[in-house]
Amino acid sequence: MASILESLRGMLGPQVVNGVSSQLDEPTGVVQRGLEEGSAALLAGIGSKADQPGFMQQIFSFIKNPANDLAFAGVPAAAAAGGLGTQFLSTVFGSNQGAVADGIARETGMSAGKAAAVLGMAAPLVLGMLGRQVQATGMNASELGQSLKSEMPGLTSYLPAGMRSFFGRAPVVASMPAAVVPEVRRANRWLWPAVGLVALALIAFWIFHRAPTPSLPTVDTSGLGAFFSTKLPDGTALNIPQNGIENKLITFLNDSSRPVDTTTWFNFDRLLFDTNSATLQPSSQEQLNNIVAIMKAYPNAQVKIGGYTDNTGDSAANQTLSENRAKNVMDAIVAGGIDPSRLQSKGYGDQYPVADNSTPEGRQQNRRISLLVTQK
């Protein structure tokens, strides 16, 4: 039976890579590298936590979930298991999920939005592969964890150096001859206290000189009204708020008396970005998935994504941030399976405020992502 590492290599064949490359409009080499890093990061993440009480049972519950197709054979199955994949990502990476996506973006040159999309596609791929592995070998949760731990050095070799710190460090002296190990320790017994002192000094420097950690932004959902279930023309059921963008967009698309124009913008109401960054937070995925579902149900619809900021700080930096955020939202929708020709994005910086920039509440309203229907 092939090792998990060998199964990982075999999983990322042309069918998968070409499909993702087409969806994201990125070269196959870039996509191949991104999928390798995302998949290896997931497997290494599991291996690094395999000894935590209850963790492998959680992972096994994902693997055994009926939504995880054990006969996985390509990107369509990955899309079908997307909800399970999102939970899987959150369990493995926790608060490091955004940092892992950023690491993939830096290494491959993709935008942050596309890197997050690739990581999201890697999740159901890895789940399917692990499902086949478990089915073929009869491994239980503990045995799977031990198998992944034993392959950590190979898995982390796929990752850029900056990402390896999330998964610990594989031991490097275990393969040395037994007689050599004590000698190495004697020769360097003075070194480790010195290294420890240097590390403590660096940590102290970082703590006292870093910028204050910004509080995570939150979404005010008090004005969205009650959630209700609605069916789209293709039969897809959505659970959406009465006053949210999804309901407003569906109402507009269904109303033949309302033509498209250049002024009817709909504001996203449950998107979150990292502070002063274009990186979408995982909690944004629900609303992005809803927009993808709506665009699939209305195949003639085309939209424009607009990014806006408040007027705080440098105007040029605000313009760049608004452009990057709008593009990342567009990329995330494309990653959900929407043809890129149906979307466009534009950043408007601190132009077109909708509220008073002199108040915190007004500035928060002005920091927004909006959607304009350009064709019904």
Protein backbone atom coordinates (compact mmCIF):
# COMPACT_ATOMS: atom_id res chain seq x y z
CA MET A 1 0.00 0.00 0.00
CA ALA A 2 1.37 3.43 -0.94
CA SER A 3 2.36 5.75 1.91
CA ILE A 4 0.23 8.79 2.62
CA LEU A 5 2.93 10.97 1.08
CA GLU A 6 2.92 8.90 -2.11
CA SER A 7 -0.88 9.07 -2.18
CA LEU A 8 -0.62 12.85 -1.90
CA ARG A 9 1.66 13.00 -4.91
CA GLY A 10 -0.65 10.75 -6.91
CA MET A 11 -3.73 12.74 -5.92
CA LEU A 12 -2.59 15.96 -7.61
CA GLY A 13 -2.70 14.72 -11.19
CA PRO A 14 -3.50 16.68 -14.37
CA GLN A 15 -7.27 16.23 -13.99
CA VAL A 16 -7.29 18.02 -10.66
CA VAL A 17 -4.63 20.62 -11.45
CA ASN A 18 -6.07 21.55 -14.85
CA GLY A 19 -9.55 21.90 -13.40
CA VAL A 20 -8.42 24.26 -10.65
CA SER A 21 -6.16 26.13 -13.08
CA SER A 22 -9.13 26.78 -15.34
CA GLN A 23 -11.33 27.94 -12.46
CA LEU A 24 -8.77 30.36 -11.06
CA ASP A 25 -7.21 31.44 -14.37
CA GLU A 26 -3.73 30.66 -13.04
CA PRO A 27 -0.88 28.67 -14.69
CA THR A 28 -0.93 24.95 -13.96
CA GLY A 29 2.54 25.11 -12.38
CA VAL A 30 1.39 27.75 -9.90
CA VAL A 31 -1.77 25.78 -9.07
CA GLN A 32 0.22 22.54 -8.72
CA ARG A 33 2.54 24.16 -6.18
CA GLY A 34 -0.35 25.76 -4.29
CA LEU A 35 -2.27 22.49 -4.05
CA GLU A 36 0.86 20.63 -2.96
CA GLU A 37 1.53 23.13 -0.20
CA GLY A 38 -2.10 23.28 0.93
CA SER A 39 -2.49 19.49 0.98
CA ALA A 40 0.85 18.91 2.69
CA ALA A 41 0.02 21.61 5.25
CA LEU A 42 -3.25 19.87 6.09
CA LEU A 43 -1.58 16.48 6.51
CA ALA A 44 1.27 17.99 8.53
CA GLY A 45 -1.27 19.87 10.64
CA ILE A 46 -2.99 16.60 11.50
CA GLY A 47 0.31 14.87 12.21
CA SER A 48 1.46 17.67 14.51
CA LYS A 49 -1.72 17.36 16.63
CA ALA A 50 -2.09 13.59 16.47
CA ASP A 51 -1.24 13.16 20.17
CA GLN A 52 -3.78 15.72 21.37
CA PRO A 53 -6.65 13.98 23.22
CA GLY A 54 -9.68 13.51 20.99
CA PHE A 55 -8.17 15.26 17.96
CA MET A 56 -7.78 12.18 15.74
CA GLN A 57 -11.34 11.13 16.56
CA GLN A 58 -12.51 14.49 15.23
CA ILE A 59 -10.52 13.97 12.04
CA PHE A 60 -11.87 10.44 11.71
CA SER A 61 -15.42 11.77 11.99
CA PHE A 62 -14.75 13.97 8.93
CA ILE A 63 -13.25 11.05 7.02
CA LYS A 64 -16.22 8.79 7.83
CA ASN A 65 -18.81 11.48 7.13
CA PRO A 66 -21.14 10.41 4.27
CA ALA A 67 -20.38 13.73 2.54
CA ASN A 68 -16.76 12.61 2.09
CA ASP A 69 -16.78 10.67 -1.16
CA LEU A 70 -14.43 7.71 -0.65
CA ALA A 71 -14.28 7.23 -4.40
CA PHE A 72 -13.11 10.82 -4.93
CA ALA A 73 -12.04 11.39 -8.50
CA GLY A 74 -11.63 15.11 -9.20
CA VAL A 75 -12.61 18.72 -8.66
CA PRO A 76 -16.42 18.24 -8.93
CA ALA A 77 -16.35 16.05 -5.82
CA ALA A 78 -14.26 18.67 -4.05
CA ALA A 79 -16.96 21.24 -4.74
CA ALA A 80 -19.65 18.87 -3.47
CA ALA A 81 -17.80 18.36 -0.19
CA GLY A 82 -17.06 22.06 0.26
CA GLY A 83 -19.04 22.46 3.50
CA LEU A 84 -17.30 19.53 5.12
CA GLY A 85 -13.97 20.82 3.82
CA THR A 86 -14.53 24.19 5.51
CA GLN A 87 -15.10 22.51 8.89
CA PHE A 88 -12.07 20.31 8.31
CA LEU A 89 -9.85 23.34 7.63
CA SER A 90 -11.01 25.10 10.76
CA THR A 91 -10.38 22.02 12.91
CA VAL A 92 -6.86 21.45 11.59
CA PHE A 93 -5.59 25.04 11.45
CA GLY A 94 -7.77 27.01 13.86
CA SER A 95 -6.61 30.64 13.98
CA ASN A 96 -3.62 29.82 11.74
CA GLN A 97 -5.79 29.22 8.66
CA GLY A 98 -5.32 32.73 7.28
CA ALA A 99 -1.58 32.60 7.91
CA VAL A 100 -1.28 29.29 6.02
CA ALA A 101 -3.18 30.79 3.06
CA ASP A 102 -0.91 33.85 3.17
CA GLY A 103 2.14 31.53 3.11
CA ILE A 104 0.81 29.84 -0.03
CA ALA A 105 0.18 33.24 -1.61
CA ARG A 106 3.74 34.42 -0.91
CA GLU A 107 5.30 31.22 -2.23
CA THR A 108 3.23 30.94 -5.42
CA GLY A 109 2.63 34.59 -6.28
CA MET A 110 -1.16 34.13 -6.28
CA SER A 111 -3.43 36.71 -4.72
CA ALA A 112 -4.49 36.09 -1.13
CA GLY A 113 -8.02 35.32 -2.29
CA LYS A 114 -6.90 32.71 -4.78
CA ALA A 115 -4.50 31.15 -2.29
CA ALA A 116 -7.35 30.82 0.22
CA ALA A 117 -9.46 29.27 -2.54
CA VAL A 118 -6.72 26.74 -3.34
CA LEU A 119 -6.46 25.84 0.34
CA GLY A 120 -10.23 25.40 0.42
CA MET A 121 -10.07 23.08 -2.59
CA ALA A 122 -7.23 21.08 -1.04
CA ALA A 123 -9.36 20.25 2.02
CA PRO A 124 -11.92 17.92 0.35
CA LEU A 125 -9.12 16.49 -1.82
CA VAL A 126 -7.17 15.49 1.29
CA LEU A 127 -10.30 14.16 3.00
CA GLY A 128 -11.09 11.99 0.00
CA MET A 129 -7.54 10.70 -0.16
CA LEU A 130 -7.50 9.87 3.56
CA GLY A 131 -10.84 8.14 3.12
CA ARG A 132 -9.40 5.87 0.46
CA GLN A 133 -6.33 5.24 2.59
CA VAL A 134 -8.39 4.26 5.63
CA GLN A 135 -10.71 2.12 3.54
CA ALA A 136 -7.81 0.27 1.92
CA THR A 137 -5.75 -0.33 5.08
CA GLY A 138 -8.39 -0.64 7.77
CA MET A 139 -6.51 1.88 9.95
CA ASN A 140 -8.23 3.31 12.99
CA ALA A 141 -7.93 6.93 14.14
CA SER A 142 -4.86 6.31 16.31
CA GLU A 143 -3.04 4.35 13.59
CA LEU A 144 -3.73 7.07 11.04
CA GLY A 145 -2.30 9.66 13.43
CA GLN A 146 0.85 7.63 13.98
CA SER A 147 1.25 7.10 10.24
CA LEU A 148 1.06 10.85 9.61
CA LYS A 149 3.51 11.55 12.44
CA SER A 150 6.03 9.17 10.88
CA GLU A 151 5.78 11.01 7.55
CA MET A 152 6.13 14.53 8.96
CA PRO A 153 9.65 15.13 7.55
CA GLY A 154 8.48 14.35 4.02
CA LEU A 155 5.30 16.37 4.38
CA THR A 156 7.02 19.48 5.72
CA SER A 157 9.53 19.31 2.86
CA TYR A 158 6.69 20.47 0.60
CA LEU A 159 6.23 23.63 2.67
CA PRO A 160 8.08 26.96 2.51
CA ALA A 161 10.30 27.54 5.54
CA GLY A 162 8.04 30.23 6.97
CA MET A 163 5.10 27.82 7.16
CA ARG A 164 6.91 24.94 8.87
CA SER A 165 6.82 26.64 12.25
CA PHE A 166 3.07 25.95 12.48
CA PHE A 167 3.72 22.21 12.57
CA GLY A 168 6.69 21.87 14.90
CA ARG A 169 10.03 20.47 13.85
CA ALA A 170 10.71 16.87 12.89
CA PRO A 171 13.49 15.31 15.02
CA VAL A 172 16.78 15.17 13.14
CA VAL A 173 18.98 13.14 15.49
CA ALA A 174 16.79 10.06 15.66
CA SER A 175 18.46 8.55 12.58
CA MET A 176 22.01 9.10 13.89
CA PRO A 177 24.00 6.10 15.12
CA ALA A 178 23.41 5.66 18.86
CA ALA A 179 27.09 6.16 19.70
CA VAL A 180 27.19 9.53 18.00
CA VAL A 181 24.32 11.17 19.86
CA PRO A 182 25.91 11.42 23.35
CA GLU A 183 29.12 12.81 21.84
CA VAL A 184 27.23 15.54 20.03
CA ARG A 185 25.47 16.46 23.26
CA ARG A 186 28.74 16.63 25.24
CA ALA A 187 30.46 18.75 22.62
CA ASN A 188 27.60 21.26 22.56
CA ARG A 189 26.38 21.22 26.17
CA TRP A 190 27.28 24.91 26.51
CA LEU A 191 25.42 25.84 23.33
CA TRP A 192 21.81 25.16 24.37
CA PRO A 193 21.71 27.55 27.36
CA ALA A 194 23.12 30.25 25.08
CA VAL A 195 20.54 29.49 22.40
CA GLY A 196 17.81 29.57 25.03
CA LEU A 197 18.91 32.99 26.30
CA VAL A 198 19.05 34.39 22.77
CA ALA A 199 15.58 33.00 22.03
CA LEU A 200 14.17 34.54 25.23
CA ALA A 201 15.75 37.86 24.34
CA LEU A 202 14.23 37.79 20.86
CA ILE A 203 10.80 36.89 22.25
CA ALA A 204 11.02 39.70 24.79
CA PHE A 205 12.06 42.14 22.06
CA TRP A 206 9.13 41.06 19.90
CA ILE A 207 6.63 41.38 22.75
CA PHE A 208 7.70 44.86 23.79
CA HIS A 209 8.29 46.30 20.31
CA ARG A 210 5.51 44.82 18.23
CA ALA A 211 2.50 46.92 17.28
CA PRO A 212 -0.55 46.41 19.50
CA THR A 213 -2.65 43.50 18.30
CA PRO A 214 -5.80 44.93 16.73
CA SER A 215 -9.08 43.55 17.94
CA LEU A 216 -10.81 41.36 15.39
CA PRO A 217 -13.47 43.21 13.42
CA THR A 218 -17.01 42.07 13.95
CA VAL A 219 -20.14 42.22 11.87
CA ASP A 220 -23.23 43.94 13.24
CA THR A 221 -26.10 41.65 12.26
CA SER A 222 -28.74 43.40 14.37
CA GLY A 223 -30.36 45.07 11.37
CA LEU A 224 -30.46 42.03 9.09
CA GLY A 225 -33.73 40.66 10.39
CA ALA A 226 -34.75 37.05 10.86
CA PHE A 227 -33.19 34.27 8.80
CA PHE A 228 -35.53 32.31 6.55
CA SER A 229 -35.25 29.57 3.96
CA THR A 230 -35.76 30.38 0.29
CA LYS A 231 -35.46 28.33 -2.88
CA LEU A 232 -33.61 29.53 -5.96
CA PRO A 233 -34.82 28.80 -9.52
CA ASP A 234 -32.50 25.80 -9.76
CA GLY A 235 -33.93 24.28 -6.56
CA THR A 236 -31.04 25.29 -4.28
CA ALA A 237 -32.23 26.17 -0.77
CA LEU A 238 -30.58 29.08 1.05
CA ASN A 239 -30.93 30.18 4.66
CA ILE A 240 -30.58 33.97 4.48
CA PRO A 241 -31.53 37.08 6.51
CA GLN A 242 -34.56 39.10 5.52
CA ASN A 243 -32.59 42.34 5.04
CA GLY A 244 -29.32 40.84 3.81
CA ILE A 245 -27.65 41.27 0.45
CA GLU A 246 -28.76 37.83 -0.72
CA ASN A 247 -32.49 38.57 -0.38
CA LYS A 248 -32.10 42.02 -1.91
CA LEU A 249 -30.15 40.60 -4.85
CA ILE A 250 -32.66 37.78 -5.49
CA THR A 251 -35.55 40.26 -5.33
CA PHE A 252 -33.82 42.54 -7.84
CA LEU A 253 -33.02 39.69 -10.25
CA ASN A 254 -36.62 38.46 -10.11
CA ASP A 255 -38.15 41.90 -10.70
CA SER A 256 -38.45 42.39 -14.47
CA SER A 257 -39.65 45.96 -13.93
CA ARG A 258 -36.27 47.00 -12.48
CA PRO A 259 -33.62 47.32 -15.19
CA VAL A 260 -29.92 47.31 -14.43
CA ASP A 261 -28.31 50.70 -13.86
CA THR A 262 -25.11 52.18 -12.47
CA THR A 263 -26.48 53.25 -9.09
CA THR A 264 -28.19 50.20 -7.56
CA TRP A 265 -25.40 48.76 -5.42
CA PHE A 266 -25.94 46.06 -2.82
CA ASN A 267 -23.65 46.04 0.22
CA PHE A 268 -22.22 42.79 1.53
CA ASP A 269 -23.13 42.54 5.20
CA ARG A 270 -21.25 39.49 6.51
CA LEU A 271 -17.79 39.82 4.98
CA LEU A 272 -14.77 40.30 7.25
CA PHE A 273 -11.16 41.09 6.37
CA ASP A 274 -8.09 41.04 8.56
CA THR A 275 -7.39 44.57 9.81
CA ASN A 276 -5.68 46.74 7.17
CA SER A 277 -5.45 43.68 4.93
CA ALA A 278 -7.21 42.22 1.89
CA THR A 279 -7.27 38.74 3.47
CA LEU A 280 -10.81 37.47 3.90
CA GLN A 281 -11.57 35.82 7.21
CA PRO A 282 -13.02 32.28 7.13
CA SER A 283 -16.34 33.51 8.56
CA SER A 284 -16.94 35.31 5.25
CA GLN A 285 -17.28 32.04 3.36
CA GLU A 286 -20.97 31.52 4.15
CA GLN A 287 -22.03 34.71 2.40
CA LEU A 288 -19.62 34.14 -0.50
CA ASN A 289 -21.10 30.65 -0.96
CA ASN A 290 -24.59 32.18 -1.03
CA ILE A 291 -23.58 34.64 -3.75
CA VAL A 292 -22.04 31.80 -5.76
CA ALA A 293 -25.29 29.82 -5.44
CA ILE A 294 -27.35 32.82 -6.60
CA MET A 295 -25.14 33.39 -9.63
CA LYS A 296 -25.40 29.72 -10.55
CA ALA A 297 -29.19 29.92 -10.29
CA TYR A 298 -29.29 33.05 -12.48
CA PRO A 299 -26.78 32.12 -15.21
CA ASN A 300 -27.33 35.30 -17.25
CA ALA A 301 -26.46 37.60 -14.37
CA GLN A 302 -23.18 39.52 -14.45
CA VAL A 303 -21.89 41.64 -11.59
CA LYS A 304 -19.27 44.17 -10.59
CA ILE A 305 -17.60 44.07 -7.16
CA GLY A 306 -16.68 47.46 -5.69
CA GLY A 307 -14.30 48.06 -2.80
CA TYR A 308 -14.43 51.17 -0.58
CA THR A 309 -12.55 52.52 2.45
CA ASP A 310 -12.95 55.37 4.89
CA ASN A 311 -10.73 58.46 4.56
CA THR A 312 -8.33 57.55 7.36
CA GLY A 313 -4.66 57.39 6.39
CA ASP A 314 -2.97 57.70 3.00
CA SER A 315 -5.37 58.04 0.08
CA ALA A 316 -3.15 56.01 -2.27
CA ALA A 317 -2.89 53.18 0.25
CA ASN A 318 -6.67 53.25 0.67
CA GLN A 319 -7.09 52.99 -3.09
CA THR A 320 -4.79 49.95 -3.25
CA LEU A 321 -6.50 48.27 -0.30
CA SER A 322 -9.94 48.77 -1.83
CA GLU A 323 -8.76 47.32 -5.15
CA ASN A 324 -7.20 44.27 -3.49
CA ARG A 325 -10.24 43.59 -1.33
CA ALA A 326 -12.64 43.84 -4.27
CA LYS A 327 -10.43 41.55 -6.35
CA ASN A 328 -10.12 38.98 -3.57
CA VAL A 329 -13.90 38.85 -3.20
CA MET A 330 -14.22 38.40 -6.96
CA ASP A 331 -11.55 35.66 -6.92
CA ALA A 332 -13.37 33.86 -4.11
CA ILE A 333 -16.60 33.85 -6.14
CA VAL A 334 -14.73 32.57 -9.19
CA ALA A 335 -13.20 29.85 -7.02
CA GLY A 336 -16.75 28.75 -6.21
CA GLY A 337 -17.27 27.85 -9.85
CA ILE A 338 -18.45 31.09 -11.49
CA ASP A 339 -17.04 31.95 -14.93
CA PRO A 340 -14.61 34.90 -14.54
CA SER A 341 -16.17 36.57 -17.61
CA ARG A 342 -19.29 37.21 -15.52
CA LEU A 343 -17.48 39.33 -12.94
CA GLN A 344 -15.34 42.45 -12.71
CA SER A 345 -13.89 44.29 -9.74
CA LYS A 346 -12.88 47.86 -9.02
CA GLY A 347 -11.51 49.73 -6.03
CA TYR A 348 -12.80 53.22 -5.27
CA GLY A 349 -10.69 54.00 -2.20
CA ASP A 350 -12.21 56.68 0.00
CA GLN A 351 -14.44 58.05 -2.77
CA TYR A 352 -18.23 57.86 -2.49
CA PRO A 353 -18.67 57.73 1.31
CA VAL A 354 -22.16 56.71 2.47
CA ALA A 355 -21.75 58.01 6.02
CA ASP A 356 -19.91 60.64 8.05
CA ASN A 357 -16.16 59.89 8.22
CA SER A 358 -15.83 61.98 11.39
CA THR A 359 -17.45 59.25 13.53
CA PRO A 360 -16.32 55.64 14.13
CA GLU A 361 -19.75 54.37 13.10
CA GLY A 362 -19.63 56.35 9.86
CA ARG A 363 -16.13 55.15 9.01
CA GLN A 364 -17.22 51.57 9.58
CA GLN A 365 -20.10 52.01 7.11
CA ASN A 366 -17.75 53.49 4.54
CA ARG A 367 -15.43 50.47 4.74
CA ARG A 368 -17.52 48.19 2.56
CA ILE A 369 -17.67 45.81 -0.37
CA SER A 370 -20.61 46.30 -2.71
CA LEU A 371 -22.10 44.48 -5.68
CA LEU A 372 -23.65 46.00 -8.81
CA VAL A 373 -25.66 43.90 -11.25
CA THR A 374 -24.48 44.81 -14.75
CA GLN A 375 -26.64 42.25 -16.59
CA LYS A 376 -29.69 40.24 -15.58
